[in-house]
Amino acid sequence: MKRYDLRHLKDNFEPRMKEILEVHKAGEVAIFLFEIGDFSPVQRSADLIKECGYVLNNSLKFNEVDWTVVAKR
């Protein structure tokens, strides 16, 4: 299990998330933390996870502005 904090990227976290997913070891769990505003990043992250061949295990609000997703290939 590895955690990736993408909050510093603000709304432009998807390229980095995709880069991580492409090199992440199969069978390991990836946890991503990113900032949300209007909740559209939540759907975009779920779509990206599916596009990269992962399963979205969990998606939840971490606090008022941050979101966490858990994915596994």
C-alpha atoms as a PDB file:
ATOM      1  CA  MET A   1       0.000   0.000   0.000  1.00  0.00           C
ATOM      2  CA  LYS A   2       1.393   3.365  -0.986  1.00  0.00           C
ATOM      3  CA  ARG A   3      -0.052   6.829  -0.379  1.00  0.00           C
ATOM      4  CA  TYR A   4       0.346   9.690  -2.848  1.00  0.00           C
ATOM      5  CA  ASP A   5      -0.404  13.261  -1.768  1.00  0.00           C
ATOM      6  CA  LEU A   6      -1.427  15.244  -4.864  1.00  0.00           C
ATOM      7  CA  ARG A   7      -2.984  18.189  -3.016  1.00  0.00           C
ATOM      8  CA  HIS A   8      -0.150  20.538  -4.003  1.00  0.00           C
ATOM      9  CA  LEU A   9      -1.167  20.104  -7.669  1.00  0.00           C
ATOM     10  CA  LYS A  10      -4.614  21.592  -6.969  1.00  0.00           C
ATOM     11  CA  ASP A  11      -7.012  20.908  -9.888  1.00  0.00           C
ATOM     12  CA  ASN A  12      -4.224  19.653 -12.166  1.00  0.00           C
ATOM     13  CA  PHE A  13      -3.565  16.343 -10.373  1.00  0.00           C
ATOM     14  CA  GLU A  14      -4.710  13.978 -13.139  1.00  0.00           C
ATOM     15  CA  PRO A  15      -1.503  13.843 -15.227  1.00  0.00           C
ATOM     16  CA  ARG A  16       0.516  12.916 -12.133  1.00  0.00           C
ATOM     17  CA  MET A  17      -2.085  10.375 -10.997  1.00  0.00           C
ATOM     18  CA  LYS A  18      -2.006   8.725 -14.426  1.00  0.00           C
ATOM     19  CA  GLU A  19       1.793   8.651 -14.379  1.00  0.00           C
ATOM     20  CA  ILE A  20       1.746   6.918 -10.981  1.00  0.00           C
ATOM     21  CA  LEU A  21      -0.919   4.413 -12.033  1.00  0.00           C
ATOM     22  CA  GLU A  22       1.051   3.435 -15.119  1.00  0.00           C
ATOM     23  CA  VAL A  23       4.124   2.428 -13.077  1.00  0.00           C
ATOM     24  CA  HIS A  24       2.421   1.171  -9.905  1.00  0.00           C
ATOM     25  CA  LYS A  25       2.997  -2.514  -9.184  1.00  0.00           C
ATOM     26  CA  ALA A  26       0.076  -4.837  -9.917  1.00  0.00           C
ATOM     27  CA  GLY A  27      -1.606  -6.163  -6.791  1.00  0.00           C
ATOM     28  CA  GLU A  28      -0.585  -3.218  -4.617  1.00  0.00           C
ATOM     29  CA  VAL A  29      -3.041  -0.664  -3.317  1.00  0.00           C
ATOM     30  CA  ALA A  30      -2.596   3.008  -4.224  1.00  0.00           C
ATOM     31  CA  ILE A  31      -4.130   5.719  -2.066  1.00  0.00           C
ATOM     32  CA  PHE A  32      -4.453   9.191  -3.597  1.00  0.00           C
ATOM     33  CA  LEU A  33      -5.204  12.377  -1.738  1.00  0.00           C
ATOM     34  CA  PHE A  34      -6.233  15.413  -3.803  1.00  0.00           C
ATOM     35  CA  GLU A  35      -8.084  18.689  -3.467  1.00  0.00           C
ATOM     36  CA  ILE A  36     -11.664  19.125  -4.631  1.00  0.00           C
ATOM     37  CA  GLY A  37     -13.767  22.172  -5.279  1.00  0.00           C
ATOM     38  CA  ASP A  38     -16.988  21.406  -7.117  1.00  0.00           C
ATOM     39  CA  PHE A  39     -16.714  17.591  -6.872  1.00  0.00           C
ATOM     40  CA  SER A  40     -15.951  17.213 -10.600  1.00  0.00           C
ATOM     41  CA  PRO A  41     -12.404  16.001  -9.749  1.00  0.00           C
ATOM     42  CA  VAL A  42     -13.979  13.056  -7.941  1.00  0.00           C
ATOM     43  CA  GLN A  43     -15.655  11.762 -11.101  1.00  0.00           C
ATOM     44  CA  ARG A  44     -12.593  12.526 -13.219  1.00  0.00           C
ATOM     45  CA  SER A  45     -10.381  10.540 -10.844  1.00  0.00           C
ATOM     46  CA  ALA A  46     -12.798   7.587 -10.911  1.00  0.00           C
ATOM     47  CA  ASP A  47     -12.825   7.660 -14.722  1.00  0.00           C
ATOM     48  CA  LEU A  48      -9.022   7.804 -14.840  1.00  0.00           C
ATOM     49  CA  ILE A  49      -8.671   4.879 -12.448  1.00  0.00           C
ATOM     50  CA  LYS A  50     -10.994   2.775 -14.598  1.00  0.00           C
ATOM     51  CA  GLU A  51      -9.236   3.862 -17.810  1.00  0.00           C
ATOM     52  CA  CYS A  52      -5.880   2.708 -16.376  1.00  0.00           C
ATOM     53  CA  GLY A  53      -7.268  -0.753 -15.571  1.00  0.00           C
ATOM     54  CA  TYR A  54      -7.652  -0.318 -11.826  1.00  0.00           C
ATOM     55  CA  VAL A  55     -10.583  -0.974  -9.525  1.00  0.00           C
ATOM     56  CA  LEU A  56     -11.787   1.878  -7.339  1.00  0.00           C
ATOM     57  CA  ASN A  57     -12.010   0.371  -3.857  1.00  0.00           C
ATOM     58  CA  ASN A  58     -12.995   3.460  -1.907  1.00  0.00           C
ATOM     59  CA  SER A  59     -13.694   7.136  -2.447  1.00  0.00           C
ATOM     60  CA  LEU A  60     -14.355   9.443   0.471  1.00  0.00           C
ATOM     61  CA  LYS A  61     -14.156  12.994   1.675  1.00  0.00           C
ATOM     62  CA  PHE A  62     -11.071  13.428   3.877  1.00  0.00           C
ATOM     63  CA  ASN A  63     -11.950  16.871   5.223  1.00  0.00           C
ATOM     64  CA  GLU A  64     -13.644  20.029   3.899  1.00  0.00           C
ATOM     65  CA  VAL A  65     -11.467  20.354   0.771  1.00  0.00           C
ATOM     66  CA  ASP A  66      -9.607  17.065   0.342  1.00  0.00           C
ATOM     67  CA  TRP A  67     -10.696  13.746  -1.145  1.00  0.00           C
ATOM     68  CA  THR A  68      -9.168  10.277  -0.871  1.00  0.00           C
ATOM     69  CA  VAL A  69      -9.466   7.445  -3.388  1.00  0.00           C
ATOM     70  CA  VAL A  70      -8.163   3.905  -2.992  1.00  0.00           C
ATOM     71  CA  ALA A  71      -7.412   1.869  -6.114  1.00  0.00           C
ATOM     72  CA  LYS A  72      -5.991  -1.569  -6.867  1.00  0.00           C
ATOM     73  CA  ARG A  73      -5.034  -3.291 -10.085  1.00  0.00           C
END
